[in-house]
Amino acid sequence: PKEIEYNGLQWFEGKKVATSYPYILDN
């Protein structure tokens, strides 16, 4: 969401991410 401050890939630690490409994302 554009209102959220993003400070790097570590932001995704423990977050839920929706995708149709789970293999690429998991790797």
mmCIF file of all heavy atoms, coordinates in Angstrom:
data_MODEL
# 
_entry.id   MODEL 
# 
loop_
_atom_site.group_PDB 
_atom_site.id 
_atom_site.type_symbol 
_atom_site.label_atom_id 
_atom_site.label_alt_id 
_atom_site.label_comp_id 
_atom_site.label_asym_id 
_atom_site.label_entity_id 
_atom_site.label_seq_id 
_atom_site.pdbx_PDB_ins_code 
_atom_site.Cartn_x 
_atom_site.Cartn_y 
_atom_site.Cartn_z 
_atom_site.occupancy 
_atom_site.B_iso_or_equiv 
_atom_site.pdbx_formal_charge 
_atom_site.auth_seq_id 
_atom_site.auth_comp_id 
_atom_site.auth_asym_id 
_atom_site.auth_atom_id 
_atom_site.pdbx_PDB_model_num 
ATOM 1   N N   . PRO A 1 1  ? 0.839  -1.214  0.000   1.00 0.00 ? 1  PRO A N   1 
ATOM 2   C CA  . PRO A 1 1  ? 0.000  0.000   0.000   1.00 0.00 ? 1  PRO A CA  1 
ATOM 3   C C   . PRO A 1 1  ? 0.866  1.254   0.000   1.00 0.00 ? 1  PRO A C   1 
ATOM 4   O O   . PRO A 1 1  ? 1.872  1.337   0.715   1.00 0.00 ? 1  PRO A O   1 
ATOM 5   C CB  . PRO A 1 1  ? -0.798 -0.137  1.293   1.00 0.00 ? 1  PRO A CB  1 
ATOM 6   C CG  . PRO A 1 1  ? -0.905 -1.627  1.493   1.00 0.00 ? 1  PRO A CG  1 
ATOM 7   C CD  . PRO A 1 1  ? 0.408  -2.175  1.037   1.00 0.00 ? 1  PRO A CD  1 
ATOM 8   N N   . LYS A 1 2  ? 0.496  2.234   -0.818  1.00 0.00 ? 2  LYS A N   1 
ATOM 9   C CA  . LYS A 1 2  ? 1.363  3.395   -1.044  1.00 0.00 ? 2  LYS A CA  1 
ATOM 10  C C   . LYS A 1 2  ? 1.536  4.284   0.182   1.00 0.00 ? 2  LYS A C   1 
ATOM 11  O O   . LYS A 1 2  ? 2.509  5.031   0.274   1.00 0.00 ? 2  LYS A O   1 
ATOM 12  C CB  . LYS A 1 2  ? 0.844  4.223   -2.216  1.00 0.00 ? 2  LYS A CB  1 
ATOM 13  C CG  . LYS A 1 2  ? -0.476 4.906   -2.004  1.00 0.00 ? 2  LYS A CG  1 
ATOM 14  C CD  . LYS A 1 2  ? -0.846 5.723   -3.236  1.00 0.00 ? 2  LYS A CD  1 
ATOM 15  C CE  . LYS A 1 2  ? -2.132 6.511   -3.055  1.00 0.00 ? 2  LYS A CE  1 
ATOM 16  N NZ  . LYS A 1 2  ? -2.477 7.302   -4.264  1.00 0.00 ? 2  LYS A NZ  1 
ATOM 17  N N   . GLU A 1 3  ? 0.613  4.200   1.150   1.00 0.00 ? 3  GLU A N   1 
ATOM 18  C CA  . GLU A 1 3  ? 0.736  5.059   2.326   1.00 0.00 ? 3  GLU A CA  1 
ATOM 19  C C   . GLU A 1 3  ? 1.737  4.505   3.351   1.00 0.00 ? 3  GLU A C   1 
ATOM 20  O O   . GLU A 1 3  ? 2.121  5.197   4.300   1.00 0.00 ? 3  GLU A O   1 
ATOM 21  C CB  . GLU A 1 3  ? -0.631 5.257   2.994   1.00 0.00 ? 3  GLU A CB  1 
ATOM 22  C CG  . GLU A 1 3  ? -1.216 4.017   3.644   1.00 0.00 ? 3  GLU A CG  1 
ATOM 23  C CD  . GLU A 1 3  ? -2.012 3.154   2.677   1.00 0.00 ? 3  GLU A CD  1 
ATOM 24  O OE1 . GLU A 1 3  ? -1.988 3.461   1.469   1.00 0.00 ? 3  GLU A OE1 1 
ATOM 25  O OE2 . GLU A 1 3  ? -2.672 2.195   3.140   1.00 0.00 ? 3  GLU A OE2 1 
ATOM 26  N N   . ILE A 1 4  ? 2.171  3.274   3.155   1.00 0.00 ? 4  ILE A N   1 
ATOM 27  C CA  . ILE A 1 4  ? 3.096  2.647   4.109   1.00 0.00 ? 4  ILE A CA  1 
ATOM 28  C C   . ILE A 1 4  ? 4.538  3.017   3.772   1.00 0.00 ? 4  ILE A C   1 
ATOM 29  O O   . ILE A 1 4  ? 4.956  2.975   2.614   1.00 0.00 ? 4  ILE A O   1 
ATOM 30  C CB  . ILE A 1 4  ? 2.927  1.107   4.095   1.00 0.00 ? 4  ILE A CB  1 
ATOM 31  C CG1 . ILE A 1 4  ? 1.548  0.732   4.626   1.00 0.00 ? 4  ILE A CG1 1 
ATOM 32  C CG2 . ILE A 1 4  ? 4.014  0.436   4.923   1.00 0.00 ? 4  ILE A CG2 1 
ATOM 33  C CD1 . ILE A 1 4  ? 1.262  -0.759  4.613   1.00 0.00 ? 4  ILE A CD1 1 
ATOM 34  N N   . GLU A 1 5  ? 5.308  3.356   4.787   1.00 0.00 ? 5  GLU A N   1 
ATOM 35  C CA  . GLU A 1 5  ? 6.724  3.673   4.586   1.00 0.00 ? 5  GLU A CA  1 
ATOM 36  C C   . GLU A 1 5  ? 7.512  2.387   4.376   1.00 0.00 ? 5  GLU A C   1 
ATOM 37  O O   . GLU A 1 5  ? 7.367  1.422   5.130   1.00 0.00 ? 5  GLU A O   1 
ATOM 38  C CB  . GLU A 1 5  ? 7.268  4.428   5.802   1.00 0.00 ? 5  GLU A CB  1 
ATOM 39  C CG  . GLU A 1 5  ? 8.723  4.842   5.648   1.00 0.00 ? 5  GLU A CG  1 
ATOM 40  C CD  . GLU A 1 5  ? 9.246  5.588   6.856   1.00 0.00 ? 5  GLU A CD  1 
ATOM 41  O OE1 . GLU A 1 5  ? 8.437  5.920   7.742   1.00 0.00 ? 5  GLU A OE1 1 
ATOM 42  O OE2 . GLU A 1 5  ? 10.472 5.828   6.905   1.00 0.00 ? 5  GLU A OE2 1 
ATOM 43  N N   . TYR A 1 6  ? 8.329  2.377   3.354   1.00 0.00 ? 6  TYR A N   1 
ATOM 44  C CA  . TYR A 1 6  ? 9.117  1.183   3.025   1.00 0.00 ? 6  TYR A CA  1 
ATOM 45  C C   . TYR A 1 6  ? 10.594 1.496   3.200   1.00 0.00 ? 6  TYR A C   1 
ATOM 46  O O   . TYR A 1 6  ? 11.122 2.438   2.624   1.00 0.00 ? 6  TYR A O   1 
ATOM 47  C CB  . TYR A 1 6  ? 8.838  0.747   1.581   1.00 0.00 ? 6  TYR A CB  1 
ATOM 48  C CG  . TYR A 1 6  ? 9.577  -0.503  1.164   1.00 0.00 ? 6  TYR A CG  1 
ATOM 49  C CD1 . TYR A 1 6  ? 9.181  -1.754  1.628   1.00 0.00 ? 6  TYR A CD1 1 
ATOM 50  C CD2 . TYR A 1 6  ? 10.681 -0.425  0.317   1.00 0.00 ? 6  TYR A CD2 1 
ATOM 51  C CE1 . TYR A 1 6  ? 9.850  -2.904  1.250   1.00 0.00 ? 6  TYR A CE1 1 
ATOM 52  C CE2 . TYR A 1 6  ? 11.360 -1.580  -0.070  1.00 0.00 ? 6  TYR A CE2 1 
ATOM 53  C CZ  . TYR A 1 6  ? 10.945 -2.813  0.399   1.00 0.00 ? 6  TYR A CZ  1 
ATOM 54  O OH  . TYR A 1 6  ? 11.610 -3.954  0.031   1.00 0.00 ? 6  TYR A OH  1 
ATOM 55  N N   . ASN A 1 7  ? 11.272 0.673   3.998   1.00 0.00 ? 7  ASN A N   1 
ATOM 56  C CA  . ASN A 1 7  ? 12.685 0.931   4.288   1.00 0.00 ? 7  ASN A CA  1 
ATOM 57  C C   . ASN A 1 7  ? 13.593 -0.231  3.899   1.00 0.00 ? 7  ASN A C   1 
ATOM 58  O O   . ASN A 1 7  ? 14.680 -0.385  4.440   1.00 0.00 ? 7  ASN A O   1 
ATOM 59  C CB  . ASN A 1 7  ? 12.872 1.267   5.770   1.00 0.00 ? 7  ASN A CB  1 
ATOM 60  C CG  . ASN A 1 7  ? 12.229 0.215   6.679   1.00 0.00 ? 7  ASN A CG  1 
ATOM 61  O OD1 . ASN A 1 7  ? 11.878 -0.869  6.221   1.00 0.00 ? 7  ASN A OD1 1 
ATOM 62  N ND2 . ASN A 1 7  ? 12.086 0.550   7.949   1.00 0.00 ? 7  ASN A ND2 1 
ATOM 63  N N   . GLY A 1 8  ? 13.131 -1.058  2.987   1.00 0.00 ? 8  GLY A N   1 
ATOM 64  C CA  . GLY A 1 8  ? 13.977 -2.159  2.532   1.00 0.00 ? 8  GLY A CA  1 
ATOM 65  C C   . GLY A 1 8  ? 13.268 -3.492  2.595   1.00 0.00 ? 8  GLY A C   1 
ATOM 66  O O   . GLY A 1 8  ? 12.170 -3.628  3.152   1.00 0.00 ? 8  GLY A O   1 
ATOM 67  N N   . LEU A 1 9  ? 13.925 -4.503  2.028   1.00 0.00 ? 9  LEU A N   1 
ATOM 68  C CA  . LEU A 1 9  ? 13.321 -5.832  1.907   1.00 0.00 ? 9  LEU A CA  1 
ATOM 69  C C   . LEU A 1 9  ? 12.952 -6.441  3.247   1.00 0.00 ? 9  LEU A C   1 
ATOM 70  O O   . LEU A 1 9  ? 12.019 -7.256  3.341   1.00 0.00 ? 9  LEU A O   1 
ATOM 71  C CB  . LEU A 1 9  ? 14.296 -6.749  1.151   1.00 0.00 ? 9  LEU A CB  1 
ATOM 72  C CG  . LEU A 1 9  ? 13.748 -8.070  0.609   1.00 0.00 ? 9  LEU A CG  1 
ATOM 73  C CD1 . LEU A 1 9  ? 12.580 -7.848  -0.339  1.00 0.00 ? 9  LEU A CD1 1 
ATOM 74  C CD2 . LEU A 1 9  ? 14.864 -8.850  -0.083  1.00 0.00 ? 9  LEU A CD2 1 
ATOM 75  N N   . GLN A 1 10 ? 13.646 -6.022  4.304   1.00 0.00 ? 10 GLN A N   1 
ATOM 76  C CA  . GLN A 1 10 ? 13.358 -6.560  5.636   1.00 0.00 ? 10 GLN A CA  1 
ATOM 77  C C   . GLN A 1 10 ? 11.923 -6.259  6.072   1.00 0.00 ? 10 GLN A C   1 
ATOM 78  O O   . GLN A 1 10 ? 11.389 -6.925  6.964   1.00 0.00 ? 10 GLN A O   1 
ATOM 79  C CB  . GLN A 1 10 ? 14.355 -5.963  6.645   1.00 0.00 ? 10 GLN A CB  1 
ATOM 80  C CG  . GLN A 1 10 ? 14.411 -6.688  7.983   1.00 0.00 ? 10 GLN A CG  1 
ATOM 81  C CD  . GLN A 1 10 ? 14.889 -8.120  7.871   1.00 0.00 ? 10 GLN A CD  1 
ATOM 82  O OE1 . GLN A 1 10 ? 15.751 -8.416  7.045   1.00 0.00 ? 10 GLN A OE1 1 
ATOM 83  N NE2 . GLN A 1 10 ? 14.329 -9.005  8.691   1.00 0.00 ? 10 GLN A NE2 1 
ATOM 84  N N   . TRP A 1 11 ? 11.295 -5.293  5.415   1.00 0.00 ? 11 TRP A N   1 
ATOM 85  C CA  . TRP A 1 11 ? 9.892  -4.964  5.738   1.00 0.00 ? 11 TRP A CA  1 
ATOM 86  C C   . TRP A 1 11 ? 8.995  -6.186  5.595   1.00 0.00 ? 11 TRP A C   1 
ATOM 87  O O   . TRP A 1 11 ? 7.987  -6.322  6.299   1.00 0.00 ? 11 TRP A O   1 
ATOM 88  C CB  . TRP A 1 11 ? 9.398  -3.847  4.808   1.00 0.00 ? 11 TRP A CB  1 
ATOM 89  C CG  . TRP A 1 11 ? 8.005  -3.368  5.111   1.00 0.00 ? 11 TRP A CG  1 
ATOM 90  C CD1 . TRP A 1 11 ? 7.638  -2.375  5.956   1.00 0.00 ? 11 TRP A CD1 1 
ATOM 91  C CD2 . TRP A 1 11 ? 6.779  -3.904  4.556   1.00 0.00 ? 11 TRP A CD2 1 
ATOM 92  N NE1 . TRP A 1 11 ? 6.265  -2.238  5.977   1.00 0.00 ? 11 TRP A NE1 1 
ATOM 93  C CE2 . TRP A 1 11 ? 5.713  -3.163  5.122   1.00 0.00 ? 11 TRP A CE2 1 
ATOM 94  C CE3 . TRP A 1 11 ? 6.486  -4.915  3.659   1.00 0.00 ? 11 TRP A CE3 1 
ATOM 95  C CZ2 . TRP A 1 11 ? 4.386  -3.412  4.816   1.00 0.00 ? 11 TRP A CZ2 1 
ATOM 96  C CZ3 . TRP A 1 11 ? 5.151  -5.171  3.342   1.00 0.00 ? 11 TRP A CZ3 1 
ATOM 97  C CH2 . TRP A 1 11 ? 4.124  -4.428  3.914   1.00 0.00 ? 11 TRP A CH2 1 
ATOM 98  N N   . PHE A 1 12 ? 9.350  -7.080  4.683   1.00 0.00 ? 12 PHE A N   1 
ATOM 99  C CA  . PHE A 1 12 ? 8.502  -8.239  4.400   1.00 0.00 ? 12 PHE A CA  1 
ATOM 100 C C   . PHE A 1 12 ? 8.674  -9.377  5.408   1.00 0.00 ? 12 PHE A C   1 
ATOM 101 O O   . PHE A 1 12 ? 7.982  -10.389 5.317   1.00 0.00 ? 12 PHE A O   1 
ATOM 102 C CB  . PHE A 1 12 ? 8.773  -8.762  2.986   1.00 0.00 ? 12 PHE A CB  1 
ATOM 103 C CG  . PHE A 1 12 ? 8.224  -7.875  1.901   1.00 0.00 ? 12 PHE A CG  1 
ATOM 104 C CD1 . PHE A 1 12 ? 9.033  -6.941  1.285   1.00 0.00 ? 12 PHE A CD1 1 
ATOM 105 C CD2 . PHE A 1 12 ? 6.888  -7.967  1.519   1.00 0.00 ? 12 PHE A CD2 1 
ATOM 106 C CE1 . PHE A 1 12 ? 8.531  -6.113  0.289   1.00 0.00 ? 12 PHE A CE1 1 
ATOM 107 C CE2 . PHE A 1 12 ? 6.378  -7.138  0.527   1.00 0.00 ? 12 PHE A CE2 1 
ATOM 108 C CZ  . PHE A 1 12 ? 7.200  -6.208  -0.091  1.00 0.00 ? 12 PHE A CZ  1 
ATOM 109 N N   . GLU A 1 13 ? 9.595  -9.240  6.348   1.00 0.00 ? 13 GLU A N   1 
ATOM 110 C CA  . GLU A 1 13 ? 9.782  -10.274 7.361   1.00 0.00 ? 13 GLU A CA  1 
ATOM 111 C C   . GLU A 1 13 ? 8.483  -10.482 8.145   1.00 0.00 ? 13 GLU A C   1 
ATOM 112 O O   . GLU A 1 13 ? 7.938  -9.558  8.753   1.00 0.00 ? 13 GLU A O   1 
ATOM 113 C CB  . GLU A 1 13 ? 10.913 -9.875  8.316   1.00 0.00 ? 13 GLU A CB  1 
ATOM 114 C CG  . GLU A 1 13 ? 11.166 -10.855 9.443   1.00 0.00 ? 13 GLU A CG  1 
ATOM 115 C CD  . GLU A 1 13 ? 11.760 -12.173 8.957   1.00 0.00 ? 13 GLU A CD  1 
ATOM 116 O OE1 . GLU A 1 13 ? 12.522 -12.158 7.953   1.00 0.00 ? 13 GLU A OE1 1 
ATOM 117 O OE2 . GLU A 1 13 ? 11.462 -13.208 9.575   1.00 0.00 ? 13 GLU A OE2 1 
ATOM 118 N N   . GLY A 1 14 ? 7.969  -11.727 8.089   1.00 0.00 ? 14 GLY A N   1 
ATOM 119 C CA  . GLY A 1 14 ? 6.751  -12.076 8.815   1.00 0.00 ? 14 GLY A CA  1 
ATOM 120 C C   . GLY A 1 14 ? 5.464  -11.580 8.194   1.00 0.00 ? 14 GLY A C   1 
ATOM 121 O O   . GLY A 1 14 ? 4.372  -11.833 8.717   1.00 0.00 ? 14 GLY A O   1 
ATOM 122 N N   . LYS A 1 15 ? 5.554  -10.884 7.051   1.00 0.00 ? 15 LYS A N   1 
ATOM 123 C CA  . LYS A 1 15 ? 4.359  -10.347 6.400   1.00 0.00 ? 15 LYS A CA  1 
ATOM 124 C C   . LYS A 1 15 ? 3.715  -11.397 5.477   1.00 0.00 ? 15 LYS A C   1 
ATOM 125 O O   . LYS A 1 15 ? 4.370  -12.332 5.019   1.00 0.00 ? 15 LYS A O   1 
ATOM 126 C CB  . LYS A 1 15 ? 4.711  -9.110  5.572   1.00 0.00 ? 15 LYS A CB  1 
ATOM 127 C CG  . LYS A 1 15 ? 5.250  -7.943  6.375   1.00 0.00 ? 15 LYS A CG  1 
ATOM 128 C CD  . LYS A 1 15 ? 4.197  -7.334  7.272   1.00 0.00 ? 15 LYS A CD  1 
ATOM 129 C CE  . LYS A 1 15 ? 4.590  -5.932  7.753   1.00 0.00 ? 15 LYS A CE  1 
ATOM 130 N NZ  . LYS A 1 15 ? 5.852  -5.888  8.471   1.00 0.00 ? 15 LYS A NZ  1 
ATOM 131 N N   . LYS A 1 16 ? 2.436  -11.195 5.225   1.00 0.00 ? 16 LYS A N   1 
ATOM 132 C CA  . LYS A 1 16 ? 1.715  -12.064 4.292   1.00 0.00 ? 16 LYS A CA  1 
ATOM 133 C C   . LYS A 1 16 ? 1.718  -11.412 2.915   1.00 0.00 ? 16 LYS A C   1 
ATOM 134 O O   . LYS A 1 16 ? 1.320  -10.261 2.761   1.00 0.00 ? 16 LYS A O   1 
ATOM 135 C CB  . LYS A 1 16 ? 0.272  -12.278 4.759   1.00 0.00 ? 16 LYS A CB  1 
ATOM 136 C CG  . LYS A 1 16 ? -0.533 -13.211 3.858   1.00 0.00 ? 16 LYS A CG  1 
ATOM 137 C CD  . LYS A 1 16 ? -1.954 -13.428 4.365   1.00 0.00 ? 16 LYS A CD  1 
ATOM 138 C CE  . LYS A 1 16 ? -1.953 -14.321 5.597   1.00 0.00 ? 16 LYS A CE  1 
ATOM 139 N NZ  . LYS A 1 16 ? -3.345 -14.674 5.999   1.00 0.00 ? 16 LYS A NZ  1 
ATOM 140 N N   . VAL A 1 17 ? 2.148  -12.174 1.903   1.00 0.00 ? 17 VAL A N   1 
ATOM 141 C CA  . VAL A 1 17 ? 2.244  -11.663 0.532   1.00 0.00 ? 17 VAL A CA  1 
ATOM 142 C C   . VAL A 1 17 ? 1.408  -12.543 -0.395  1.00 0.00 ? 17 VAL A C   1 
ATOM 143 O O   . VAL A 1 17 ? 1.585  -13.768 -0.432  1.00 0.00 ? 17 VAL A O   1 
ATOM 144 C CB  . VAL A 1 17 ? 3.708  -11.630 0.042   1.00 0.00 ? 17 VAL A CB  1 
ATOM 145 C CG1 . VAL A 1 17 ? 3.777  -11.098 -1.385  1.00 0.00 ? 17 VAL A CG1 1 
ATOM 146 C CG2 . VAL A 1 17 ? 4.563  -10.784 0.970   1.00 0.00 ? 17 VAL A CG2 1 
ATOM 147 N N   . ALA A 1 18 ? 0.517  -11.921 -1.128  1.00 0.00 ? 18 ALA A N   1 
ATOM 148 C CA  . ALA A 1 18 ? -0.340 -12.647 -2.074  1.00 0.00 ? 18 ALA A CA  1 
ATOM 149 C C   . ALA A 1 18 ? 0.326  -12.686 -3.450  1.00 0.00 ? 18 ALA A C   1 
ATOM 150 O O   . ALA A 1 18 ? 0.887  -11.682 -3.907  1.00 0.00 ? 18 ALA A O   1 
ATOM 151 C CB  . ALA A 1 18 ? -1.701 -11.968 -2.177  1.00 0.00 ? 18 ALA A CB  1 
ATOM 152 N N   . THR A 1 19 ? 0.257  -13.826 -4.117  1.00 0.00 ? 19 THR A N   1 
ATOM 153 C CA  . THR A 1 19 ? 0.898  -13.960 -5.424  1.00 0.00 ? 19 THR A CA  1 
ATOM 154 C C   . THR A 1 19 ? 0.370  -15.157 -6.198  1.00 0.00 ? 19 THR A C   1 
ATOM 155 O O   . THR A 1 19 ? -0.178 -16.099 -5.616  1.00 0.00 ? 19 THR A O   1 
ATOM 156 C CB  . THR A 1 19 ? 2.427  -14.112 -5.259  1.00 0.00 ? 19 THR A CB  1 
ATOM 157 O OG1 . THR A 1 19 ? 3.038  -14.117 -6.548  1.00 0.00 ? 19 THR A OG1 1 
ATOM 158 C CG2 . THR A 1 19 ? 2.785  -15.410 -4.544  1.00 0.00 ? 19 THR A CG2 1 
ATOM 159 N N   . SER A 1 20 ? 0.565  -15.107 -7.511  1.00 0.00 ? 20 SER A N   1 
ATOM 160 C CA  . SER A 1 20 ? 0.322  -16.261 -8.376  1.00 0.00 ? 20 SER A CA  1 
ATOM 161 C C   . SER A 1 20 ? 1.638  -16.934 -8.749  1.00 0.00 ? 20 SER A C   1 
ATOM 162 O O   . SER A 1 20 ? 1.656  -17.868 -9.548  1.00 0.00 ? 20 SER A O   1 
ATOM 163 C CB  . SER A 1 20 ? -0.409 -15.820 -9.663  1.00 0.00 ? 20 SER A CB  1 
ATOM 164 O OG  . SER A 1 20 ? -1.640 -15.217 -9.363  1.00 0.00 ? 20 SER A OG  1 
ATOM 165 N N   . TYR A 1 21 ? 2.751  -16.431 -8.180  1.00 0.00 ? 21 TYR A N   1 
ATOM 166 C CA  . TYR A 1 21 ? 4.084  -16.943 -8.498  1.00 0.00 ? 21 TYR A CA  1 
ATOM 167 C C   . TYR A 1 21 ? 4.820  -17.339 -7.213  1.00 0.00 ? 21 TYR A C   1 
ATOM 168 O O   . TYR A 1 21 ? 5.854  -16.764 -6.873  1.00 0.00 ? 21 TYR A O   1 
ATOM 169 C CB  . TYR A 1 21 ? 4.879  -15.897 -9.280  1.00 0.00 ? 21 TYR A CB  1 
ATOM 170 C CG  . TYR A 1 21 ? 4.217  -15.519 -10.581 1.00 0.00 ? 21 TYR A CG  1 
ATOM 171 C CD1 . TYR A 1 21 ? 3.335  -14.444 -10.661 1.00 0.00 ? 21 TYR A CD1 1 
ATOM 172 C CD2 . TYR A 1 21 ? 4.445  -16.261 -11.737 1.00 0.00 ? 21 TYR A CD2 1 
ATOM 173 C CE1 . TYR A 1 21 ? 2.708  -14.119 -11.855 1.00 0.00 ? 21 TYR A CE1 1 
ATOM 174 C CE2 . TYR A 1 21 ? 3.826  -15.943 -12.933 1.00 0.00 ? 21 TYR A CE2 1 
ATOM 175 C CZ  . TYR A 1 21 ? 2.960  -14.870 -12.983 1.00 0.00 ? 21 TYR A CZ  1 
ATOM 176 O OH  . TYR A 1 21 ? 2.335  -14.554 -14.161 1.00 0.00 ? 21 TYR A OH  1 
ATOM 177 N N   . PRO A 1 22 ? 4.302  -18.343 -6.486  1.00 0.00 ? 22 PRO A N   1 
ATOM 178 C CA  . PRO A 1 22 ? 4.904  -18.707 -5.194  1.00 0.00 ? 22 PRO A CA  1 
ATOM 179 C C   . PRO A 1 22 ? 6.320  -19.274 -5.312  1.00 0.00 ? 22 PRO A C   1 
ATOM 180 O O   . PRO A 1 22 ? 7.147  -19.050 -4.422  1.00 0.00 ? 22 PRO A O   1 
ATOM 181 C CB  . PRO A 1 22 ? 3.938  -19.762 -4.646  1.00 0.00 ? 22 PRO A CB  1 
ATOM 182 C CG  . PRO A 1 22 ? 3.244  -20.323 -5.864  1.00 0.00 ? 22 PRO A CG  1 
ATOM 183 C CD  . PRO A 1 22 ? 3.111  -19.157 -6.794  1.00 0.00 ? 22 PRO A CD  1 
ATOM 184 N N   . TYR A 1 23 ? 6.620  -19.989 -6.387  1.00 0.00 ? 23 TYR A N   1 
ATOM 185 C CA  . TYR A 1 23 ? 7.946  -20.602 -6.539  1.00 0.00 ? 23 TYR A CA  1 
ATOM 186 C C   . TYR A 1 23 ? 9.027  -19.526 -6.659  1.00 0.00 ? 23 TYR A C   1 
ATOM 187 O O   . TYR A 1 23 ? 10.044 -19.570 -5.967  1.00 0.00 ? 23 TYR A O   1 
ATOM 188 C CB  . TYR A 1 23 ? 7.962  -21.512 -7.761  1.00 0.00 ? 23 TYR A CB  1 
ATOM 189 C CG  . TYR A 1 23 ? 9.305  -22.139 -8.057  1.00 0.00 ? 23 TYR A CG  1 
ATOM 190 C CD1 . TYR A 1 23 ? 9.760  -23.242 -7.335  1.00 0.00 ? 23 TYR A CD1 1 
ATOM 191 C CD2 . TYR A 1 23 ? 10.129 -21.625 -9.065  1.00 0.00 ? 23 TYR A CD2 1 
ATOM 192 C CE1 . TYR A 1 23 ? 10.996 -23.816 -7.608  1.00 0.00 ? 23 TYR A CE1 1 
ATOM 193 C CE2 . TYR A 1 23 ? 11.359 -22.196 -9.344  1.00 0.00 ? 23 TYR A CE2 1 
ATOM 194 C CZ  . TYR A 1 23 ? 11.791 -23.288 -8.612  1.00 0.00 ? 23 TYR A CZ  1 
ATOM 195 O OH  . TYR A 1 23 ? 13.007 -23.845 -8.888  1.00 0.00 ? 23 TYR A OH  1 
ATOM 196 N N   . ILE A 1 24 ? 8.798  -18.548 -7.549  1.00 0.00 ? 24 ILE A N   1 
ATOM 197 C CA  . ILE A 1 24 ? 9.781  -17.473 -7.743  1.00 0.00 ? 24 ILE A CA  1 
ATOM 198 C C   . ILE A 1 24 ? 9.925  -16.645 -6.473  1.00 0.00 ? 24 ILE A C   1 
ATOM 199 O O   . ILE A 1 24 ? 11.040 -16.310 -6.045  1.00 0.00 ? 24 ILE A O   1 
ATOM 200 C CB  . ILE A 1 24 ? 9.376  -16.579 -8.929  1.00 0.00 ? 24 ILE A CB  1 
ATOM 201 C CG1 . ILE A 1 24 ? 9.375  -17.383 -10.234 1.00 0.00 ? 24 ILE A CG1 1 
ATOM 202 C CG2 . ILE A 1 24 ? 10.310 -15.374 -9.047  1.00 0.00 ? 24 ILE A CG2 1 
ATOM 203 C CD1 . ILE A 1 24 ? 8.844  -16.631 -11.434 1.00 0.00 ? 24 ILE A CD1 1 
ATOM 204 N N   . LEU A 1 25 ? 8.792  -16.316 -5.853  1.00 0.00 ? 25 LEU A N   1 
ATOM 205 C CA  . LEU A 1 25 ? 8.822  -15.500 -4.637  1.00 0.00 ? 25 LEU A CA  1 
ATOM 206 C C   . LEU A 1 25 ? 9.527  -16.225 -3.502  1.00 0.00 ? 25 LEU A C   1 
ATOM 207 O O   . LEU A 1 25 ? 10.355 -15.632 -2.789  1.00 0.00 ? 25 LEU A O   1 
ATOM 208 C CB  . LEU A 1 25 ? 7.403  -15.117 -4.226  1.00 0.00 ? 25 LEU A CB  1 
ATOM 209 C CG  . LEU A 1 25 ? 7.279  -14.281 -2.954  1.00 0.00 ? 25 LEU A CG  1 
ATOM 210 C CD1 . LEU A 1 25 ? 8.051  -12.975 -3.080  1.00 0.00 ? 25 LEU A CD1 1 
ATOM 211 C CD2 . LEU A 1 25 ? 5.816  -14.017 -2.623  1.00 0.00 ? 25 LEU A CD2 1 
ATOM 212 N N   . ASP A 1 26 ? 9.227  -17.497 -3.307  1.00 0.00 ? 26 ASP A N   1 
ATOM 213 C CA  . ASP A 1 26 ? 9.842  -18.270 -2.227  1.00 0.00 ? 26 ASP A CA  1 
ATOM 214 C C   . ASP A 1 26 ? 11.357 -18.335 -2.399  1.00 0.00 ? 26 ASP A C   1 
ATOM 215 O O   . ASP A 1 26 ? 12.111 -18.154 -1.435  1.00 0.00 ? 26 ASP A O   1 
ATOM 216 C CB  . ASP A 1 26 ? 9.245  -19.679 -2.196  1.00 0.00 ? 26 ASP A CB  1 
ATOM 217 C CG  . ASP A 1 26 ? 9.739  -20.490 -1.017  1.00 0.00 ? 26 ASP A CG  1 
ATOM 218 O OD1 . ASP A 1 26 ? 9.642  -20.005 0.122   1.00 0.00 ? 26 ASP A OD1 1 
ATOM 219 O OD2 . ASP A 1 26 ? 10.246 -21.617 -1.231  1.00 0.00 ? 26 ASP A OD2 1 
ATOM 220 N N   . ASN A 1 27 ? 11.812 -18.589 -3.628  1.00 0.00 ? 27 ASN A N   1 
ATOM 221 C CA  . ASN A 1 27 ? 13.253 -18.644 -3.883  1.00 0.00 ? 27 ASN A CA  1 
ATOM 222 C C   . ASN A 1 27 ? 13.920 -17.299 -3.590  1.00 0.00 ? 27 ASN A C   1 
ATOM 223 O O   . ASN A 1 27 ? 15.024 -17.241 -3.032  1.00 0.00 ? 27 ASN A O   1 
ATOM 224 C CB  . ASN A 1 27 ? 13.525 -19.044 -5.342  1.00 0.00 ? 27 ASN A CB  1 
ATOM 225 C CG  . ASN A 1 27 ? 13.344 -20.520 -5.576  1.00 0.00 ? 27 ASN A CG  1 
ATOM 226 O OD1 . ASN A 1 27 ? 13.257 -21.306 -4.635  1.00 0.00 ? 27 ASN A OD1 1 
ATOM 227 N ND2 . ASN A 1 27 ? 13.271 -20.927 -6.837  1.00 0.00 ? 27 ASN A ND2 1 
# 
